[in-house]
């Protein structure tokens, strides 16, 4: 794949630009190891570059972006949605806001519980994410994990003393077992 130079015609960091310059080729891997080219140092939508690195689970590129002082308002949400535990760990180590709401009041812990990202939930709880904080619809992390059938996440939340509300569970969640105990009534 050929090197695609940055130009002002790119209004965002396109997937084509990122994959051409930082893709899985040996040349891209070498560039990641050395550091980012000057073209990436510009402040034009650097948030998009961070999110693209997270979506690709490219920890090396994410490290390089974060080492240059970049940040992402949505980075922790994106990493939690995709279940990328290494990215979550790196973002938390770089002081990402663990309880930053996004969209409908959803927080990274809610997103991770909904997707069943056990490792992400574990890391967010270790970073003291609010265990019972609901989104704008009233859904809590425990409710989402139960309703989606993610028993590992449910166990982590119960161990973190999440409030249990059996009446809010769906039929599917009522059949869910954590350990040897049924959750539902």
Protein backbone atom coordinates (compact mmCIF):
# COMPACT_ATOMS: atom_id res chain seq x y z
CA UNK A 1 0.00 0.00 0.00
CA UNK A 2 1.40 3.40 -0.94
CA UNK A 3 1.99 6.26 1.47
CA UNK A 4 -0.92 8.71 1.38
CA UNK A 5 0.27 12.20 2.37
CA UNK A 6 -1.91 14.38 4.56
CA UNK A 7 -3.49 17.28 2.75
CA UNK A 8 -6.02 19.91 3.68
CA UNK A 9 -8.63 18.18 1.52
CA UNK A 10 -9.03 15.58 4.26
CA UNK A 11 -11.60 17.07 6.61
CA UNK A 12 -11.18 14.08 8.94
CA UNK A 13 -8.61 11.39 9.51
CA UNK A 14 -10.07 8.95 7.07
CA UNK A 15 -9.74 5.22 7.47
CA UNK A 16 -7.90 5.19 4.13
CA UNK A 17 -5.31 7.69 5.41
CA UNK A 18 -4.77 5.79 8.66
CA UNK A 19 -4.59 2.35 7.11
CA UNK A 20 -2.28 3.51 4.31
CA UNK A 21 0.14 5.15 6.72
CA UNK A 22 -0.25 3.04 9.84
CA UNK A 23 -1.76 -0.19 8.57
CA UNK A 24 -0.62 -3.74 9.09
CA UNK A 25 2.18 -3.54 6.53
CA UNK A 26 5.81 -3.76 7.67
CA UNK A 27 6.32 -0.16 6.60
CA UNK A 28 3.36 0.99 8.70
CA UNK A 29 4.56 -1.03 11.69
CA UNK A 30 8.02 0.53 11.39
CA UNK A 31 6.50 4.00 11.26
CA UNK A 32 4.49 3.29 14.41
CA UNK A 33 7.63 2.14 16.21
CA UNK A 34 9.64 5.25 15.26
CA UNK A 35 6.77 7.64 16.14
CA UNK A 36 4.19 9.53 14.20
CA UNK A 37 5.10 11.61 11.17
CA UNK A 38 4.73 15.37 11.43
CA UNK A 39 1.52 15.20 9.41
CA UNK A 40 -0.19 13.49 12.35
CA UNK A 41 0.95 16.17 14.81
CA UNK A 42 -1.58 18.67 13.52
CA UNK A 43 -4.62 19.35 15.67
CA UNK A 44 -7.07 18.79 12.80
CA UNK A 45 -9.51 16.22 14.17
CA UNK A 46 -6.92 14.36 16.20
CA UNK A 47 -9.86 12.94 18.16
CA UNK A 48 -10.79 10.97 15.03
CA UNK A 49 -7.27 9.51 14.80
CA UNK A 50 -7.45 8.38 18.45
CA UNK A 51 -10.86 6.78 17.88
CA UNK A 52 -9.66 5.05 14.69
CA UNK A 53 -6.69 3.60 16.57
CA UNK A 54 -9.04 2.35 19.30
CA UNK A 55 -11.49 0.80 16.80
CA UNK A 56 -8.59 -1.06 15.17
CA UNK A 57 -7.29 -2.04 18.64
CA UNK A 58 -3.94 -0.58 17.58
CA UNK A 59 -2.34 -0.05 20.98
CA UNK A 60 0.98 1.08 19.47
CA UNK A 61 -0.63 3.89 17.49
CA UNK A 62 -2.83 4.84 20.43
CA UNK A 63 0.24 5.03 22.68
CA UNK A 64 1.97 7.27 20.16
CA UNK A 65 -1.03 9.59 19.91
CA UNK A 66 -1.45 9.78 23.68
CA UNK A 67 2.28 10.40 24.20
CA UNK A 68 1.95 13.48 22.01
CA UNK A 69 -0.70 14.89 24.32
CA UNK A 70 -3.68 13.79 22.26
CA UNK A 71 -6.89 12.81 23.95
CA UNK A 72 -10.32 11.68 22.97
CA UNK A 73 -13.59 12.71 24.56
CA UNK A 74 -15.19 9.46 23.39
CA UNK A 75 -12.17 7.17 23.50
CA UNK A 76 -13.20 5.23 26.58
CA UNK A 77 -16.71 4.75 25.16
CA UNK A 78 -15.34 3.45 21.86
CA UNK A 79 -12.91 1.07 23.58
CA UNK A 80 -15.67 -0.20 25.90
CA UNK A 81 -18.09 -0.73 23.00
CA UNK A 82 -15.55 -2.80 21.08
CA UNK A 83 -14.31 -4.70 24.15
CA UNK A 84 -10.70 -3.57 23.72
CA UNK A 85 -9.35 -4.02 27.24
CA UNK A 86 -5.79 -2.94 26.39
CA UNK A 87 -7.07 0.36 24.99
CA UNK A 88 -9.26 0.89 28.08
CA UNK A 89 -6.24 0.25 30.30
CA UNK A 90 -4.08 2.68 28.31
CA UNK A 91 -6.75 5.41 28.30
CA UNK A 92 -7.32 5.04 32.06
CA UNK A 93 -3.55 5.26 32.62
CA UNK A 94 -3.65 8.54 30.67
CA UNK A 95 -6.36 9.97 32.95
CA UNK A 96 -9.44 9.40 30.80
CA UNK A 97 -12.64 10.41 32.60
CA UNK A 98 -14.08 7.10 33.79
CA UNK A 99 -17.64 8.41 34.29
CA UNK A 100 -17.90 10.87 31.39
CA UNK A 101 -21.46 10.72 29.98
CA UNK A 102 -22.05 10.54 26.26
CA UNK A 103 -25.17 10.75 24.13
CA UNK A 104 -28.11 9.52 26.18
CA UNK A 105 -26.17 9.70 29.45
CA UNK A 106 -24.42 6.41 28.74
CA UNK A 107 -21.10 5.97 30.48
CA UNK A 108 -18.23 3.61 29.59
CA UNK A 109 -19.27 1.09 32.27
CA UNK A 110 -22.81 0.93 30.87
CA UNK A 111 -21.42 0.41 27.37
CA UNK A 112 -19.03 -2.34 28.49
CA UNK A 113 -21.80 -4.13 30.43
CA UNK A 114 -24.16 -3.95 27.46
CA UNK A 115 -21.52 -5.44 25.15
CA UNK A 116 -20.31 -8.04 27.66
CA UNK A 117 -16.73 -6.79 27.80
CA UNK A 118 -15.62 -8.62 30.95
CA UNK A 119 -12.08 -7.23 30.94
CA UNK A 120 -13.30 -3.69 30.26
CA UNK A 121 -15.83 -3.91 33.10
CA UNK A 122 -13.10 -5.23 35.40
CA UNK A 123 -10.78 -2.32 34.57
CA UNK A 124 -13.48 0.34 34.79
CA UNK A 125 -14.56 -0.94 38.21
CA UNK A 126 -10.92 -0.93 39.35
CA UNK A 127 -10.80 2.72 38.25
CA UNK A 128 -13.81 3.40 40.52
CA UNK A 129 -16.51 3.81 37.87
CA UNK A 130 -19.93 4.56 39.37
CA UNK A 131 -21.52 1.13 39.65
CA UNK A 132 -25.18 2.21 39.96
CA UNK A 133 -25.33 5.38 37.85
CA UNK A 134 -28.14 5.02 35.27
CA UNK A 135 -28.33 6.48 31.79
CA UNK A 136 -31.12 8.85 30.74
CA UNK A 137 -33.45 5.87 30.19
CA UNK A 138 -32.92 4.59 33.73
CA UNK A 139 -30.82 1.57 32.74
CA UNK A 140 -28.03 0.65 35.13
CA UNK A 141 -24.92 -1.39 34.30
CA UNK A 142 -26.29 -4.37 36.26
CA UNK A 143 -29.64 -4.25 34.49
CA UNK A 144 -28.00 -4.14 31.05
CA UNK A 145 -25.58 -6.97 31.86
CA UNK A 146 -28.46 -9.12 33.20
CA UNK A 147 -30.76 -8.42 30.29
CA UNK A 148 -28.01 -9.26 27.78
CA UNK A 149 -27.08 -12.46 29.63
CA UNK A 150 -23.49 -11.51 30.48
CA UNK A 151 -23.08 -13.50 33.70
CA UNK A 152 -19.37 -12.67 34.10
CA UNK A 153 -20.12 -8.95 34.07
CA UNK A 154 -23.06 -9.48 36.42
CA UNK A 155 -20.79 -11.25 38.89
CA UNK A 156 -18.24 -8.40 38.74
CA UNK A 157 -20.97 -5.81 39.38
CA UNK A 158 -22.48 -7.78 42.26
CA UNK A 159 -19.00 -8.13 43.78
CA UNK A 160 -18.70 -4.33 43.50
CA UNK A 161 -21.98 -4.00 45.48
CA UNK A 162 -24.24 -2.94 42.63
CA UNK A 163 -27.88 -2.50 43.63
CA UNK A 164 -30.02 -5.41 42.48
CA UNK A 165 -33.58 -4.78 41.21
CA UNK A 166 -35.26 -8.07 40.27
CA UNK A 167 -38.39 -6.34 38.99
CA UNK A 168 -36.45 -4.56 36.22
CA UNK A 169 -35.15 -7.78 34.69
CA UNK A 170 -36.46 -9.34 31.50
CA UNK A 171 -37.50 -13.00 31.32
CA UNK A 172 -34.16 -13.88 29.79
CA UNK A 173 -32.32 -12.26 32.69
CA UNK A 174 -34.48 -14.06 35.22
CA UNK A 175 -33.16 -17.37 33.87
CA UNK A 176 -29.55 -16.20 34.19
CA UNK A 177 -27.43 -17.97 36.80
CA UNK A 178 -24.37 -16.46 38.43
CA UNK A 179 -22.33 -19.14 40.10
CA UNK A 180 -24.86 -21.69 41.35
CA UNK A 181 -27.55 -19.16 42.27
CA UNK A 182 -30.35 -18.06 39.93
CA UNK A 183 -30.63 -14.28 39.66
CA UNK A 184 -34.34 -14.03 39.02
CA UNK A 185 -37.42 -14.59 41.07
